[in-house]
C-alpha atoms as a PDB file:
ATOM      1  CA  UNK A   1     128.504  66.926  64.140  1.00  0.00           C
ATOM      2  CA  UNK A   2     130.338  63.738  63.250  1.00  0.00           C
ATOM      3  CA  UNK A   3     129.525  61.915  60.039  1.00  0.00           C
ATOM      4  CA  UNK A   4     130.765  58.553  58.766  1.00  0.00           C
ATOM      5  CA  UNK A   5     130.262  57.768  55.087  1.00  0.00           C
ATOM      6  CA  UNK A   6     130.844  54.295  53.675  1.00  0.00           C
ATOM      7  CA  UNK A   7     131.462  53.375  50.052  1.00  0.00           C
ATOM      8  CA  UNK A   8     132.381  50.332  47.997  1.00  0.00           C
ATOM      9  CA  UNK A   9     129.505  47.935  48.594  1.00  0.00           C
ATOM     10  CA  UNK A  10     127.991  45.807  45.843  1.00  0.00           C
ATOM     11  CA  UNK A  11     127.623  42.301  44.452  1.00  0.00           C
ATOM     12  CA  UNK A  12     130.603  39.959  44.330  1.00  0.00           C
ATOM     13  CA  UNK A  13     130.985  36.403  43.136  1.00  0.00           C
ATOM     14  CA  UNK A  14     132.003  33.843  45.729  1.00  0.00           C
ATOM     15  CA  UNK A  15     135.800  33.684  45.974  1.00  0.00           C
ATOM     16  CA  UNK A  16     136.261  37.284  44.896  1.00  0.00           C
ATOM     17  CA  UNK A  17     137.428  40.334  46.833  1.00  0.00           C
ATOM     18  CA  UNK A  18     135.883  43.649  47.750  1.00  0.00           C
ATOM     19  CA  UNK A  19     137.196  46.795  49.377  1.00  0.00           C
ATOM     20  CA  UNK A  20     135.025  49.055  51.518  1.00  0.00           C
ATOM     21  CA  UNK A  21     136.046  52.569  52.539  1.00  0.00           C
ATOM     22  CA  UNK A  22     134.891  54.891  55.287  1.00  0.00           C
ATOM     23  CA  UNK A  23     135.560  58.588  55.701  1.00  0.00           C
ATOM     24  CA  UNK A  24     134.965  60.457  58.958  1.00  0.00           C
ATOM     25  CA  UNK A  25     134.172  64.155  58.942  1.00  0.00           C
ATOM     26  CA  UNK A  26     132.957  66.846  61.280  1.00  0.00           C
ATOM     27  CA  UNK A  27     133.926  66.926  64.899  1.00  0.00           C
ATOM     28  CA  UNK A  28     135.579  67.689  67.178  1.00  0.00           C
ATOM     29  CA  UNK A  29     136.547  64.178  68.170  1.00  0.00           C
ATOM     30  CA  UNK A  30     139.529  62.082  69.100  1.00  0.00           C
ATOM     31  CA  UNK A  31     139.457  58.616  67.588  1.00  0.00           C
ATOM     32  CA  UNK A  32     139.840  55.734  70.022  1.00  0.00           C
ATOM     33  CA  UNK A  33     138.819  53.042  67.548  1.00  0.00           C
ATOM     34  CA  UNK A  34     137.813  53.040  63.898  1.00  0.00           C
ATOM     35  CA  UNK A  35     136.655  50.136  61.800  1.00  0.00           C
ATOM     36  CA  UNK A  36     133.872  47.907  60.593  1.00  0.00           C
ATOM     37  CA  UNK A  37     130.924  45.881  61.794  1.00  0.00           C
ATOM     38  CA  UNK A  38     128.390  43.937  59.776  1.00  0.00           C
ATOM     39  CA  UNK A  39     124.830  42.745  60.171  1.00  0.00           C
ATOM     40  CA  UNK A  40     123.419  39.893  58.172  1.00  0.00           C
ATOM     41  CA  UNK A  41     119.648  39.439  57.740  1.00  0.00           C
ATOM     42  CA  UNK A  42     118.115  38.214  60.978  1.00  0.00           C
ATOM     43  CA  UNK A  43     121.446  38.357  62.790  1.00  0.00           C
ATOM     44  CA  UNK A  44     123.014  40.613  65.395  1.00  0.00           C
ATOM     45  CA  UNK A  45     125.588  43.181  64.406  1.00  0.00           C
ATOM     46  CA  UNK A  46     129.110  41.801  64.760  1.00  0.00           C
ATOM     47  CA  UNK A  47     132.601  43.241  64.691  1.00  0.00           C
ATOM     48  CA  UNK A  48     134.611  42.636  61.524  1.00  0.00           C
ATOM     49  CA  UNK A  49     137.824  44.632  61.933  1.00  0.00           C
ATOM     50  CA  UNK A  50     138.889  47.518  64.168  1.00  0.00           C
ATOM     51  CA  UNK A  51     142.001  49.586  64.675  1.00  0.00           C
ATOM     52  CA  UNK A  52     142.655  51.190  68.051  1.00  0.00           C
ATOM     53  CA  UNK A  53     144.483  54.388  68.883  1.00  0.00           C
ATOM     54  CA  UNK A  54     147.583  52.456  69.971  1.00  0.00           C
ATOM     55  CA  UNK A  55     147.841  51.015  66.474  1.00  0.00           C
ATOM     56  CA  UNK A  56     146.673  47.535  67.374  1.00  0.00           C
ATOM     57  CA  UNK A  57     144.191  45.905  65.023  1.00  0.00           C
ATOM     58  CA  UNK A  58     141.540  43.262  65.510  1.00  0.00           C
ATOM     59  CA  UNK A  59     140.306  41.113  62.628  1.00  0.00           C
ATOM     60  CA  UNK A  60     137.441  38.669  62.959  1.00  0.00           C
ATOM     61  CA  UNK A  61     139.178  36.525  60.345  1.00  0.00           C
ATOM     62  CA  UNK A  62     142.385  36.727  58.353  1.00  0.00           C
ATOM     63  CA  UNK A  63     140.294  37.404  55.251  1.00  0.00           C
ATOM     64  CA  UNK A  64     139.520  40.896  56.539  1.00  0.00           C
ATOM     65  CA  UNK A  65     142.441  43.279  56.014  1.00  0.00           C
ATOM     66  CA  UNK A  66     142.053  46.718  57.565  1.00  0.00           C
ATOM     67  CA  UNK A  67     144.037  49.671  56.260  1.00  0.00           C
ATOM     68  CA  UNK A  68     144.189  53.085  57.860  1.00  0.00           C
ATOM     69  CA  UNK A  69     144.400  55.252  54.768  1.00  0.00           C
ATOM     70  CA  UNK A  70     144.832  58.481  56.747  1.00  0.00           C
ATOM     71  CA  UNK A  71     143.771  59.967  60.080  1.00  0.00           C
ATOM     72  CA  UNK A  72     140.078  59.977  59.134  1.00  0.00           C
ATOM     73  CA  UNK A  73     139.761  57.243  56.511  1.00  0.00           C
ATOM     74  CA  UNK A  74     139.786  53.494  56.912  1.00  0.00           C
ATOM     75  CA  UNK A  75     139.256  50.700  54.409  1.00  0.00           C
ATOM     76  CA  UNK A  76     138.790  46.969  54.685  1.00  0.00           C
ATOM     77  CA  UNK A  77     139.588  44.472  51.962  1.00  0.00           C
ATOM     78  CA  UNK A  78     137.617  41.240  52.184  1.00  0.00           C
ATOM     79  CA  UNK A  79     139.227  38.317  50.381  1.00  0.00           C
ATOM     80  CA  UNK A  80     137.944  34.882  49.385  1.00  0.00           C
ATOM     81  CA  UNK A  81     134.400  36.046  49.885  1.00  0.00           C
ATOM     82  CA  UNK A  82     131.654  33.609  50.824  1.00  0.00           C
ATOM     83  CA  UNK A  83     127.850  33.823  50.545  1.00  0.00           C
ATOM     84  CA  UNK A  84     127.730  34.131  54.345  1.00  0.00           C
ATOM     85  CA  UNK A  85     129.607  37.441  54.027  1.00  0.00           C
ATOM     86  CA  UNK A  86     126.380  38.900  52.651  1.00  0.00           C
ATOM     87  CA  UNK A  87     125.416  41.696  55.043  1.00  0.00           C
ATOM     88  CA  UNK A  88     125.143  45.411  55.563  1.00  0.00           C
ATOM     89  CA  UNK A  89     128.584  46.680  56.550  1.00  0.00           C
ATOM     90  CA  UNK A  90     128.771  49.612  58.946  1.00  0.00           C
ATOM     91  CA  UNK A  91     131.642  51.922  59.689  1.00  0.00           C
ATOM     92  CA  UNK A  92     132.098  52.636  63.401  1.00  0.00           C
ATOM     93  CA  UNK A  93     134.135  55.169  65.332  1.00  0.00           C
ATOM     94  CA  UNK A  94     134.476  55.503  69.096  1.00  0.00           C
ATOM     95  CA  UNK A  95     135.387  58.916  70.429  1.00  0.00           C
ATOM     96  CA  UNK A  96     138.090  58.791  73.109  1.00  0.00           C
ATOM     97  CA  UNK A  97     136.893  62.077  74.609  1.00  0.00           C
ATOM     98  CA  UNK A  98     133.405  60.919  75.665  1.00  0.00           C
ATOM     99  CA  UNK A  99     133.179  57.238  74.730  1.00  0.00           C
ATOM    100  CA  UNK A 100     130.424  57.896  72.242  1.00  0.00           C
ATOM    101  CA  UNK A 101     130.132  55.536  69.288  1.00  0.00           C
ATOM    102  CA  UNK A 102     129.246  56.841  65.860  1.00  0.00           C
ATOM    103  CA  UNK A 103     127.867  54.788  62.975  1.00  0.00           C
ATOM    104  CA  UNK A 104     127.630  55.198  59.244  1.00  0.00           C
ATOM    105  CA  UNK A 105     124.402  54.397  57.426  1.00  0.00           C
ATOM    106  CA  UNK A 106     125.857  51.159  56.094  1.00  0.00           C
ATOM    107  CA  UNK A 107     126.698  49.731  52.697  1.00  0.00           C
ATOM    108  CA  UNK A 108     125.186  46.528  51.340  1.00  0.00           C
ATOM    109  CA  UNK A 109     127.432  43.670  50.270  1.00  0.00           C
ATOM    110  CA  UNK A 110     126.036  40.626  48.513  1.00  0.00           C
ATOM    111  CA  UNK A 111     127.986  37.487  47.615  1.00  0.00           C
ATOM    112  CA  UNK A 112     126.612  35.025  45.077  1.00  0.00           C
ATOM    113  CA  UNK A 113     127.839  31.537  44.362  1.00  0.00           C
END
């Protein structure tokens, strides 16, 4: 059984920074992609930052800096935060072996001005 656990959410003042972390456990699995999505109230879930197995990285904006801490841990630092960054942030992993996508339970981030 695969489990993704996020940490680091909370309240941040506009203009500040926040780092979220995600640890993957269980298995077996082979990571194809690992990273972050977010879902704001009343909005669809959207991709924030992902790293793929070839090492390439996608960032929705330059303010989102993804770091692969180790084989099963990824973090994202969000800089110059805005109120519109308020959302639940979800860790996501796609398994190369069967294409299945796994999700964490999410961590809430709130930005106040």
